[in-house]
Protein backbone atom coordinates (compact mmCIF):
# COMPACT_ATOMS: atom_id res chain seq x y z
CA MET A 1 5.35 -7.49 -23.25
CA TYR A 2 6.60 -4.32 -24.99
CA LEU A 3 5.11 -1.04 -23.82
CA ASP A 4 5.32 1.74 -26.42
CA PRO A 5 6.55 4.82 -24.51
CA ALA A 6 4.70 7.14 -26.92
CA VAL A 7 1.33 5.76 -25.85
CA SER A 8 -0.41 7.17 -22.79
CA ARG A 9 -1.12 4.63 -20.10
CA SER A 10 -3.25 4.68 -17.02
CA VAL A 11 -2.34 2.07 -14.46
CA LYS A 12 -4.28 0.79 -11.48
CA ILE A 13 -2.12 0.39 -8.38
CA LEU A 14 -3.27 -0.96 -5.03
CA VAL A 15 -1.99 0.46 -1.77
CA MET A 16 -2.37 -2.36 0.71
CA GLY A 17 -1.37 -3.10 4.25
CA HIS A 18 -2.73 -4.09 7.60
CA PHE A 19 -5.06 -2.03 9.77
CA GLY A 20 -3.60 1.32 10.79
CA VAL A 21 -0.41 1.15 8.71
CA GLY A 22 -1.00 4.48 6.90
CA LYS A 23 -2.69 3.71 3.58
CA THR A 24 -5.17 6.60 3.79
CA THR A 25 -2.41 9.01 4.83
CA PHE A 26 -0.20 7.76 1.98
CA ILE A 27 -2.85 8.42 -0.67
CA GLY A 28 -3.70 11.77 0.89
CA SER A 29 -0.07 12.88 0.80
CA ILE A 30 0.64 11.79 -2.78
CA SER A 31 -2.58 12.30 -4.75
CA GLU A 32 -2.68 15.26 -7.12
CA ILE A 33 -6.46 15.38 -6.78
CA GLU A 34 -8.56 15.60 -3.64
CA PRO A 35 -8.58 11.94 -2.62
CA LEU A 36 -11.79 10.04 -2.18
CA GLN A 37 -11.75 8.65 1.34
CA THR A 38 -14.30 6.44 3.03
CA GLU A 39 -13.18 7.00 6.60
CA GLU A 40 -15.72 6.40 9.33
CA GLU A 41 -15.52 6.66 13.10
CA ILE A 42 -14.54 3.46 14.86
CA THR A 43 -17.54 2.41 16.94
CA GLU A 44 -18.36 -0.23 19.52
CA ALA A 45 -19.54 -2.44 16.64
CA SER A 46 -15.89 -3.12 15.78
CA GLU A 47 -15.04 -4.33 19.29
CA GLY A 48 -13.58 -7.80 19.05
CA LEU A 49 -13.05 -7.35 15.30
CA ASP A 50 -10.43 -4.59 15.10
CA ASP A 51 -7.28 -4.80 17.18
CA LEU A 52 -6.45 -1.26 18.25
CA SER A 53 -3.53 -2.25 20.49
CA GLY A 54 -0.94 -1.17 17.89
CA THR A 55 -2.81 2.06 17.12
CA PRO A 56 -4.41 3.20 20.40
CA ASP A 57 -5.05 6.76 19.13
CA LYS A 58 -6.81 5.66 15.92
CA THR A 59 -10.40 6.92 15.80
CA THR A 60 -11.36 6.30 12.15
CA THR A 61 -11.04 3.47 9.66
CA THR A 62 -11.48 2.98 5.93
CA VAL A 63 -14.70 1.11 5.25
CA ALA A 64 -14.56 0.82 1.45
CA MET A 65 -11.47 2.27 -0.22
CA ASP A 66 -9.37 5.36 -0.75
CA PHE A 67 -8.75 6.69 -4.25
CA GLY A 68 -6.18 9.08 -5.64
CA ARG A 69 -4.37 9.89 -8.85
CA LEU A 70 -0.74 10.68 -9.62
CA THR A 71 0.69 11.66 -13.01
CA LEU A 72 4.25 10.36 -13.31
CA SER A 73 4.89 11.56 -16.87
CA ASP A 74 3.13 12.68 -20.03
CA THR A 75 2.49 9.03 -20.78
CA LEU A 76 1.91 7.44 -17.35
CA VAL A 77 -0.87 8.11 -14.85
CA LEU A 78 -1.31 6.03 -11.71
CA TYR A 79 -4.74 5.46 -10.22
CA LEU A 80 -4.24 4.56 -6.57
CA PHE A 81 -6.72 2.39 -4.71
CA GLY A 82 -6.19 2.06 -0.97
CA THR A 83 -7.74 -1.05 0.53
CA PRO A 84 -9.23 -1.36 4.00
CA GLY A 85 -6.83 -2.99 6.42
CA GLN A 86 -9.11 -5.41 8.23
CA GLU A 87 -9.24 -9.01 7.06
CA ARG A 88 -13.05 -8.91 7.23
CA PHE A 89 -12.87 -6.83 4.02
CA LYS A 90 -11.10 -9.62 2.12
CA GLU A 91 -13.80 -9.74 -0.58
CA MET A 92 -13.25 -6.04 -1.25
CA TRP A 93 -9.50 -6.64 -1.63
CA GLU A 94 -10.26 -9.28 -4.24
CA GLY A 95 -12.59 -6.97 -6.15
CA LEU A 96 -10.14 -4.07 -6.06
CA SER A 97 -7.32 -6.33 -7.29
CA ARG A 98 -9.09 -6.93 -10.62
CA GLY A 99 -7.29 -4.96 -13.30
CA ALA A 100 -4.50 -3.84 -10.96
CA LEU A 101 -0.98 -3.95 -12.33
CA GLY A 102 0.66 -4.15 -8.93
CA ALA A 103 0.58 -3.25 -5.26
CA LEU A 104 2.55 -1.18 -2.83
CA VAL A 105 2.34 -3.04 0.47
CA LEU A 106 2.89 -0.81 3.47
CA VAL A 107 4.19 -2.46 6.63
CA ASP A 108 4.70 -1.31 10.20
CA PRO A 109 8.01 -2.77 11.43
CA GLU A 110 6.57 -3.01 14.94
CA ARG A 111 3.67 -5.20 13.69
CA LEU A 112 5.17 -7.25 10.85
CA HIS A 113 3.12 -10.32 11.79
CA GLU A 114 0.01 -8.42 10.66
CA SER A 115 1.44 -8.17 7.13
CA PHE A 116 1.41 -11.89 6.33
CA PRO A 117 -2.31 -12.15 5.38
CA ILE A 118 -1.87 -9.15 3.05
CA LEU A 119 1.25 -10.61 1.42
CA ASP A 120 -0.51 -13.95 0.99
CA LEU A 121 -3.38 -12.25 -0.84
CA VAL A 122 -1.10 -10.14 -3.06
CA GLU A 123 0.69 -13.30 -4.12
CA GLN A 124 -2.61 -15.16 -4.55
CA PHE A 125 -3.84 -12.34 -6.83
CA GLY A 126 -0.63 -12.64 -8.86
CA LEU A 127 0.33 -9.00 -8.39
CA GLY A 128 3.85 -7.68 -8.61
CA TYR A 129 4.58 -5.70 -5.48
CA ALA A 130 7.05 -3.63 -3.51
CA ILE A 131 7.24 -3.08 0.23
CA GLY A 132 7.18 0.33 1.89
CA VAL A 133 8.34 0.20 5.52
CA ASN A 134 6.42 3.04 7.12
CA ARG A 135 8.39 5.28 9.43
CA PHE A 136 6.27 6.14 12.42
CA ASP A 137 7.23 8.75 15.00
CA GLY A 138 9.16 7.24 17.87
CA THR A 139 9.82 3.84 16.31
CA PRO A 140 13.34 2.62 15.60
CA ASP A 141 14.59 2.16 12.05
CA TYR A 142 14.99 -1.54 11.50
CA PRO A 143 17.57 -2.53 8.87
CA LEU A 144 15.77 -3.36 5.62
CA ASP A 145 17.59 -6.69 5.30
CA GLU A 146 16.15 -7.70 8.69
CA VAL A 147 12.64 -6.66 7.62
CA ARG A 148 13.11 -8.59 4.35
CA GLU A 149 14.14 -11.68 6.29
CA ALA A 150 11.31 -11.35 8.83
CA LEU A 151 8.76 -11.09 6.00
CA ASN A 152 10.44 -13.93 4.08
CA LEU A 153 10.74 -11.78 0.94
CA SER A 154 12.70 -12.82 -2.12
CA ASP A 155 15.77 -10.79 -3.04
CA GLU A 156 13.87 -9.50 -6.09
CA THR A 157 11.13 -7.84 -4.03
CA PRO A 158 11.91 -4.13 -3.71
CA ILE A 159 11.79 -2.78 -0.18
CA ASN A 160 12.37 0.76 1.03
CA TYR A 161 11.58 3.10 3.88
CA CYS A 162 8.52 5.29 3.41
CA ASP A 163 7.18 8.13 5.51
CA VAL A 164 3.58 8.10 4.30
CA ARG A 165 3.11 11.69 5.49
CA ASN A 166 5.86 12.97 3.21
CA GLN A 167 5.00 13.46 -0.47
CA ASP A 168 8.57 12.92 -1.70
CA SER A 169 9.00 9.75 0.34
CA ALA A 170 5.63 8.40 -0.83
CA ALA A 171 6.53 9.23 -4.44
CA GLN A 172 9.83 7.39 -4.13
CA SER A 173 8.02 4.26 -2.97
CA LEU A 174 5.70 4.43 -5.97
CA ILE A 175 8.60 4.99 -8.34
CA THR A 176 10.32 1.94 -6.87
CA LEU A 177 7.16 -0.10 -7.46
CA VAL A 178 6.69 1.16 -11.03
CA LYS A 179 10.33 0.41 -11.93
CA HIS A 180 9.91 -3.09 -10.50
CA LEU A 181 6.69 -3.66 -12.46
CA MET A 182 8.35 -2.44 -15.65
CA SER A 183 11.24 -4.84 -15.11
CA ILE A 184 9.01 -7.87 -14.66
CA LEU A 185 6.68 -6.94 -17.52
CA GLY A 186 9.55 -6.33 -19.93
């Protein structure tokens, strides 16, 4: 597929990942507009449904989606849709995937096992994707080749470190994804 660079494009990108990996923070740090966030307080109703062991200080959760926008050039605007992290929102993930060109999948290297259901869905939806390994305070930096192996990623899947709180780092992850999508779309 040839994309005429003179034509303006708007592209839908999903920001996916497991519960508490930093999707809302990512969109908040990168969006050029005030992001739409559907954060709600975590209540007793989520007991037994949401595993807070990896995020003991987490008090809110996304209940629908996050939305932001980022203009990459005069001809390319990204519309970012952050998905909820809990598997009980699987139907919402499917709905949000419609019309998406690709996904940035954020992972926590301390909880990689929680990423497999997300990766399965991204592949099921047929989306091109890149991996952003979120850098959390106080966690060691795992070599990217070890993370790639642990997630069973192909050599073609881009993977980089991403501090979701840092605008430049978040932008670099999106640029990596967009370059990957352009390479597979031709």
